[in-house]
Every structure is written in structure tokens, then in C-alpha cells.
N, C-alpha and C. Protein backbone atom coordinates (compact mmCIF):
# COMPACT_ATOMS: atom_id res chain seq x y z
N MET A 1 23.42 15.69 -0.34
CA MET A 1 23.76 15.96 1.37
C MET A 1 22.95 15.11 1.86
N ALA A 2 23.64 13.65 2.00
CA ALA A 2 23.13 13.17 2.72
C ALA A 2 21.70 13.11 3.52
N GLU A 3 22.46 14.23 4.91
CA GLU A 3 21.90 15.04 6.12
C GLU A 3 20.64 15.58 5.46
N THR A 4 20.51 16.17 4.69
CA THR A 4 19.14 16.92 4.26
C THR A 4 18.10 15.43 3.33
N SER A 5 19.00 15.03 2.61
CA SER A 5 18.04 14.09 1.97
C SER A 5 17.02 13.05 3.16
N ASP A 6 17.52 12.85 4.37
CA ASP A 6 16.42 11.89 5.15
C ASP A 6 15.55 13.08 5.24
N TRP A 7 16.23 14.04 6.15
CA TRP A 7 15.17 15.10 6.40
C TRP A 7 13.98 15.18 5.59
N ASN A 8 14.11 15.61 4.12
CA ASN A 8 13.56 15.81 3.18
C ASN A 8 12.35 14.79 2.87
N SER A 9 12.68 13.46 2.90
CA SER A 9 12.09 12.58 3.00
C SER A 9 10.88 12.40 4.15
N GLN A 10 11.27 12.42 4.84
CA GLN A 10 10.58 12.40 6.19
C GLN A 10 9.26 13.27 6.19
N MET A 11 9.33 14.54 5.44
CA MET A 11 9.08 16.08 5.41
C MET A 11 7.75 15.71 4.18
N ARG A 12 8.50 15.34 3.33
CA ARG A 12 7.52 15.02 1.88
C ARG A 12 6.59 13.77 2.20
N ARG A 13 7.00 12.96 3.40
CA ARG A 13 5.87 11.42 3.57
C ARG A 13 4.72 12.60 4.00
N GLY A 14 5.11 13.42 5.02
CA GLY A 14 3.93 13.74 5.99
C GLY A 14 3.10 14.68 5.27
N LEU A 15 3.64 15.32 4.19
CA LEU A 15 2.62 16.31 2.84
C LEU A 15 2.43 15.41 2.13
N LEU A 16 2.61 14.08 1.74
CA LEU A 16 1.92 13.52 0.99
C LEU A 16 -0.03 13.24 1.18
N GLU A 17 -0.48 13.40 1.94
CA GLU A 17 -1.61 13.55 2.80
C GLU A 17 -1.98 14.51 2.59
N LEU A 18 -1.67 15.50 2.55
CA LEU A 18 -2.33 17.30 2.48
C LEU A 18 -2.42 17.44 1.23
N CYS A 19 -1.27 16.98 0.32
CA CYS A 19 -1.62 16.98 -1.51
C CYS A 19 -2.39 16.25 -1.73
N ILE A 20 -3.18 14.71 -1.62
CA ILE A 20 -3.36 13.97 -2.14
C ILE A 20 -4.97 14.40 -1.81
N LEU A 21 -5.38 14.76 -0.21
CA LEU A 21 -6.50 15.38 -0.55
C LEU A 21 -6.66 16.73 -1.17
N GLY A 22 -5.96 17.17 -1.23
CA GLY A 22 -6.13 18.56 -1.91
C GLY A 22 -6.58 18.14 -3.57
N LEU A 23 -5.96 17.72 -3.67
CA LEU A 23 -5.84 17.11 -5.43
C LEU A 23 -7.23 16.65 -5.62
N LEU A 24 -7.78 15.78 -4.84
CA LEU A 24 -9.25 15.32 -4.77
C LEU A 24 -9.78 16.28 -4.62
N LYS A 25 -10.22 17.39 -3.79
CA LYS A 25 -11.19 18.65 -3.63
C LYS A 25 -11.02 18.94 -5.17
N LYS A 26 -10.36 18.92 -5.81
CA LYS A 26 -10.23 19.61 -7.21
C LYS A 26 -11.30 18.68 -8.24
N ARG A 27 -10.76 17.00 -8.07
CA ARG A 27 -12.13 15.79 -8.96
C ARG A 27 -11.45 15.20 -8.36
N PRO A 28 -12.61 14.12 -8.67
CA PRO A 28 -12.05 12.69 -8.21
C PRO A 28 -11.15 12.07 -9.23
N SER A 29 -10.50 11.31 -8.57
CA SER A 29 -9.38 10.97 -9.77
C SER A 29 -8.99 9.41 -9.19
N TYR A 30 -8.48 8.35 -10.44
CA TYR A 30 -7.89 6.73 -10.14
C TYR A 30 -6.54 6.88 -9.54
N GLY A 31 -6.28 5.79 -9.07
CA GLY A 31 -5.04 5.80 -8.06
C GLY A 31 -3.49 6.56 -8.90
N TYR A 32 -3.74 5.67 -10.44
CA TYR A 32 -2.32 5.72 -11.03
C TYR A 32 -2.50 7.49 -11.27
N GLU A 33 -3.33 7.97 -11.62
CA GLU A 33 -3.88 9.42 -11.91
C GLU A 33 -2.98 10.33 -11.00
N ILE A 34 -3.26 10.11 -9.49
CA ILE A 34 -2.98 10.24 -8.51
C ILE A 34 -1.12 10.42 -8.48
N VAL A 35 -0.74 9.34 -8.68
CA VAL A 35 0.51 8.98 -8.65
C VAL A 35 1.35 9.98 -9.58
N THR A 36 0.88 9.75 -11.03
CA THR A 36 1.15 10.85 -12.20
C THR A 36 1.73 12.09 -11.36
N ARG A 37 0.25 12.73 -11.18
CA ARG A 37 -0.03 13.95 -11.22
C ARG A 37 1.18 14.67 -10.19
N LEU A 38 1.08 13.58 -8.88
CA LEU A 38 2.18 13.86 -7.76
C LEU A 38 3.77 13.89 -8.51
N ALA A 39 4.55 13.08 -9.34
CA ALA A 39 5.28 12.78 -10.17
C ALA A 39 5.34 14.02 -10.98
N GLU A 40 4.78 15.06 -11.12
CA GLU A 40 4.60 16.54 -12.04
C GLU A 40 5.64 17.48 -11.03
N GLU A 41 5.32 17.25 -10.19
CA GLU A 41 6.07 18.13 -8.66
C GLU A 41 7.63 17.20 -8.11
N PRO A 42 8.49 17.54 -8.73
CA PRO A 42 9.68 16.50 -8.52
C PRO A 42 9.68 16.22 -6.76
N ASN A 43 9.68 17.46 -6.14
CA ASN A 43 9.48 17.28 -4.64
C ASN A 43 8.66 16.47 -3.86
N LEU A 44 7.71 15.81 -4.84
CA LEU A 44 6.23 15.02 -3.94
C LEU A 44 6.20 14.03 -5.15
N ALA A 45 7.05 13.64 -5.84
CA ALA A 45 6.96 12.38 -6.51
C ALA A 45 7.14 11.09 -5.58
N ALA A 46 6.14 10.16 -5.24
CA ALA A 46 5.69 9.05 -4.53
C ALA A 46 5.64 7.75 -5.53
N GLN A 47 5.84 6.34 -4.85
CA GLN A 47 5.88 5.80 -6.03
C GLN A 47 4.80 5.17 -5.53
N GLU A 48 4.09 4.29 -6.58
CA GLU A 48 2.62 3.46 -6.02
C GLU A 48 2.58 2.95 -4.83
N GLY A 49 3.55 2.25 -4.65
CA GLY A 49 3.78 1.49 -2.79
C GLY A 49 3.45 2.21 -1.89
N THR A 50 3.78 3.96 -1.93
CA THR A 50 3.35 4.82 -0.94
C THR A 50 2.50 5.43 -1.13
N VAL A 51 1.90 5.34 -2.34
CA VAL A 51 0.06 6.11 -2.76
C VAL A 51 -0.84 5.54 -2.04
N TYR A 52 -0.65 4.19 -3.02
CA TYR A 52 -2.03 3.43 -2.64
C TYR A 52 -2.17 2.90 -1.04
N PRO A 53 -1.14 2.55 -0.43
CA PRO A 53 -1.71 2.24 0.89
C PRO A 53 -1.90 3.91 1.84
N LEU A 54 -1.46 4.67 1.09
CA LEU A 54 -2.18 6.07 1.93
C LEU A 54 -3.59 6.27 1.55
N LEU A 55 -3.88 6.16 0.11
CA LEU A 55 -5.53 6.07 -0.34
C LEU A 55 -6.09 4.87 0.94
N ARG A 56 -5.55 3.98 1.25
CA ARG A 56 -6.44 3.16 1.55
C ARG A 56 -6.99 3.28 3.14
N ARG A 57 -5.80 4.23 3.90
CA ARG A 57 -6.27 4.72 4.62
C ARG A 57 -6.86 5.45 5.27
N LEU A 58 -6.81 6.47 4.08
CA LEU A 58 -7.40 7.73 3.97
C LEU A 58 -9.05 6.93 3.70
N ARG A 59 -9.44 6.26 3.11
CA ARG A 59 -10.38 5.93 2.59
C ARG A 59 -11.11 5.36 3.97
N LYS A 60 -10.37 4.29 4.95
CA LYS A 60 -10.83 3.61 6.45
C LYS A 60 -10.83 4.55 7.28
N LEU A 61 -10.67 5.92 7.27
CA LEU A 61 -10.85 6.93 8.12
C LEU A 61 -11.74 7.53 7.54
N GLY A 62 -12.43 7.51 6.48
CA GLY A 62 -13.41 8.01 6.19
C GLY A 62 -13.66 9.20 5.09
N TRP A 63 -12.42 9.65 5.28
CA TRP A 63 -12.10 10.97 4.12
C TRP A 63 -12.18 10.94 2.94
N LEU A 64 -12.19 9.66 2.08
CA LEU A 64 -12.51 9.60 0.62
C LEU A 64 -13.39 8.41 0.44
N GLU A 65 -14.18 8.74 0.08
CA GLU A 65 -14.91 7.32 -0.59
C GLU A 65 -14.59 6.94 -1.97
N THR A 66 -15.13 5.36 -3.02
CA THR A 66 -14.37 5.47 -3.65
C THR A 66 -15.39 5.01 -4.77
N TYR A 67 -15.56 4.98 -6.07
CA TYR A 67 -16.73 4.02 -6.96
C TYR A 67 -15.52 3.96 -8.22
N TRP A 68 -16.40 2.96 -8.59
CA TRP A 68 -15.78 2.16 -9.98
C TRP A 68 -16.08 2.69 -11.23
N GLU A 69 -15.61 3.10 -12.15
CA GLU A 69 -16.30 3.77 -13.63
C GLU A 69 -15.15 3.59 -14.79
N GLU A 70 -16.42 2.88 -15.65
CA GLU A 70 -15.48 2.03 -17.50
C GLU A 70 -14.02 2.46 -17.53
N SER A 71 -13.05 1.85 -18.08
CA SER A 71 -12.44 2.57 -19.10
C SER A 71 -12.16 2.31 -20.70
N ASP A 72 -11.88 3.47 -21.33
CA ASP A 72 -11.60 3.03 -22.50
C ASP A 72 -10.62 2.53 -23.07
N SER A 73 -9.43 2.62 -21.92
CA SER A 73 -8.25 1.66 -22.09
C SER A 73 -8.34 0.44 -21.44
N GLY A 74 -9.02 -0.19 -20.98
CA GLY A 74 -8.81 -1.51 -19.67
C GLY A 74 -9.63 -1.51 -19.14
N PRO A 75 -9.23 -2.33 -18.19
CA PRO A 75 -10.06 -2.76 -17.11
C PRO A 75 -11.33 -1.27 -16.18
N PRO A 76 -12.15 -1.60 -15.50
CA PRO A 76 -12.84 -0.51 -14.86
C PRO A 76 -11.93 0.08 -13.72
N ARG A 77 -11.78 0.84 -13.58
CA ARG A 77 -11.16 1.64 -12.37
C ARG A 77 -11.74 2.38 -11.06
N GLN A 78 -10.45 2.44 -9.94
CA GLN A 78 -11.20 2.22 -8.81
C GLN A 78 -11.28 4.01 -8.87
N TYR A 79 -11.78 5.05 -8.83
CA TYR A 79 -11.79 6.28 -8.85
C TYR A 79 -12.04 6.45 -6.84
N TYR A 80 -11.75 7.81 -6.22
CA TYR A 80 -11.31 8.53 -5.08
C TYR A 80 -11.76 9.73 -5.14
N ARG A 81 -12.81 9.83 -4.50
CA ARG A 81 -13.45 11.18 -4.23
C ARG A 81 -12.86 11.98 -2.29
N LEU A 82 -13.26 12.94 -1.86
CA LEU A 82 -13.10 13.38 -1.08
C LEU A 82 -14.42 13.64 -0.15
N SER A 83 -14.48 12.86 0.57
CA SER A 83 -16.11 12.96 1.56
C SER A 83 -16.53 13.89 2.07
N SER A 84 -17.51 14.00 2.39
CA SER A 84 -17.69 15.65 3.09
C SER A 84 -17.42 15.16 4.61
N GLU A 85 -17.04 14.05 5.23
CA GLU A 85 -15.71 14.64 6.51
C GLU A 85 -14.47 14.58 5.80
N GLY A 86 -13.88 14.65 4.97
CA GLY A 86 -12.36 14.87 4.39
C GLY A 86 -12.60 16.23 3.98
N SER A 87 -13.50 16.55 3.35
CA SER A 87 -13.51 17.94 3.06
C SER A 87 -13.59 18.93 4.25
N ARG A 88 -14.12 18.63 5.24
CA ARG A 88 -13.75 19.09 6.60
C ARG A 88 -12.69 19.31 7.56
N TYR A 89 -12.31 18.06 6.79
CA TYR A 89 -10.67 17.27 7.21
C TYR A 89 -9.44 18.48 6.65
N LEU A 90 -9.85 18.66 5.36
CA LEU A 90 -9.12 19.41 4.22
C LEU A 90 -8.88 20.91 4.90
N THR A 91 -10.05 21.19 5.36
CA THR A 91 -10.25 22.72 5.76
C THR A 91 -9.06 22.88 6.67
N ALA A 92 -9.07 22.16 7.84
CA ALA A 92 -8.44 22.05 9.18
C ALA A 92 -6.84 22.42 8.70
N LEU A 93 -6.79 21.07 7.63
CA LEU A 93 -5.47 20.77 7.37
C LEU A 93 -4.72 22.18 6.51
N ARG A 94 -5.52 22.44 5.94
CA ARG A 94 -5.17 23.75 5.16
C ARG A 94 -4.93 24.84 6.29
N LYS A 95 -5.28 25.37 6.92
CA LYS A 95 -5.44 25.90 8.09
C LYS A 95 -4.35 26.05 8.75
N GLU A 96 -3.39 24.80 9.61
CA GLU A 96 -2.88 23.88 9.52
C GLU A 96 -1.56 24.52 8.67
N TRP A 97 -1.95 24.53 7.59
CA TRP A 97 -0.52 24.77 6.99
C TRP A 97 -0.42 25.81 6.99
N LYS A 98 -1.06 27.05 6.64
CA LYS A 98 -0.72 28.15 6.96
C LYS A 98 -0.24 28.69 7.69
N GLN A 99 -0.65 28.43 8.78
CA GLN A 99 -0.17 28.98 10.51
C GLN A 99 1.40 27.99 10.08
N LEU A 100 1.57 27.13 10.15
CA LEU A 100 3.05 26.82 9.88
C LEU A 100 3.96 27.24 8.81
N THR A 101 3.33 27.49 7.52
CA THR A 101 4.34 28.34 6.67
C THR A 101 5.08 29.43 6.83
N ARG A 102 3.78 30.33 7.75
CA ARG A 102 3.68 31.32 7.87
C ARG A 102 5.30 31.32 9.20
N SER A 103 4.72 30.38 10.28
CA SER A 103 6.04 30.75 11.39
C SER A 103 7.51 29.84 10.82
N VAL A 104 7.34 29.12 9.93
CA VAL A 104 8.69 28.75 9.45
C VAL A 104 9.52 30.05 8.48
N GLU A 105 8.73 30.58 7.54
CA GLU A 105 9.05 31.50 6.58
C GLU A 105 9.56 33.04 7.98
N ALA A 106 9.21 33.20 9.00
CA ALA A 106 9.31 33.87 10.06
C ALA A 106 10.75 33.29 10.71
N LEU A 107 11.09 32.38 10.81
CA LEU A 107 12.06 31.72 11.56
C LEU A 107 12.81 31.39 10.46
N VAL A 108 13.04 31.20 9.40
CA VAL A 108 13.97 30.64 8.78
C VAL A 108 14.20 31.02 7.86
N GLY A 109 13.48 31.77 6.55
CA GLY A 109 12.84 32.35 5.37
C GLY A 109 13.44 34.27 5.58
N GLY A 110 13.26 34.61 4.79
CA GLY A 110 13.12 35.97 4.79
C GLY A 110 11.75 37.01 5.28
N GLY A 111 11.50 36.21 6.38
CA GLY A 111 10.83 36.73 7.25
C GLY A 111 10.48 38.16 7.68
N ARG A 112 10.06 38.18 8.62
CA ARG A 112 10.15 39.81 9.53
C ARG A 112 11.03 40.15 9.74
N ASN A 113 11.73 39.87 10.15
CA ASN A 113 13.36 40.30 11.10
C ASN A 113 14.32 39.53 10.28
N ASN A 114 14.05 38.96 9.26
CA ASN A 114 15.94 38.49 8.16
C ASN A 114 15.77 39.62 6.80
């Protein structure tokens, strides 16, 4: 259905930031590892051309920090981790997400009066 695919694409783009910050809250990761982890969730799969610019933007905003680590299977990898400011931002996003999903579920899901 073409109508819903565009809507779904727009929604996914907005959620990638939240998901990436959530992944990095659990543990630091390098870019391709983040792309691979997102791909495990079919509705969140994103190309490298989407994820890497987002990682750069989040770093520029001060929500991510980077460091280099040697790799057993090739050149050193740049790892991303949540900064303390990024952790505070993620906490605020999680709160907003919970409120939003509750409201949407109440209106369109099997919520209160459905």
C-alpha cells in the first residue's frame, strides 16, 4: 500500500534517533554494529547512508562521544557511546515516547474506550 509506506517511512526516520540512543545506553558500539542491530528489527532497518549522518549529528549535538578501538579483523573502529548530556536527553525522550504511545493507543488501538 503506497499510502502507508510513505507514512511508515517518515515515522521510522523519527524513531531512529531514539532507538540509536537506546542501543548506545546499553553499551558502546561502532557504526556498522548499530546498522546491523537495527536490521534485526525489520521495521527499523536503516541503510548506512542514513545511520552514519545521524551518528555525526548526534555527536555534534553533544549527545554522543567517540573513541577508537583496535579490531581483530581489520582497521581500528570508531565507537560511539552516550555522553552524560545524551543520557539526560534519552531519559526525556523515553518519557515523551511513553506518553505519546499511551495517547495513540487510547485513540487508535484497543485502549480505554475501544
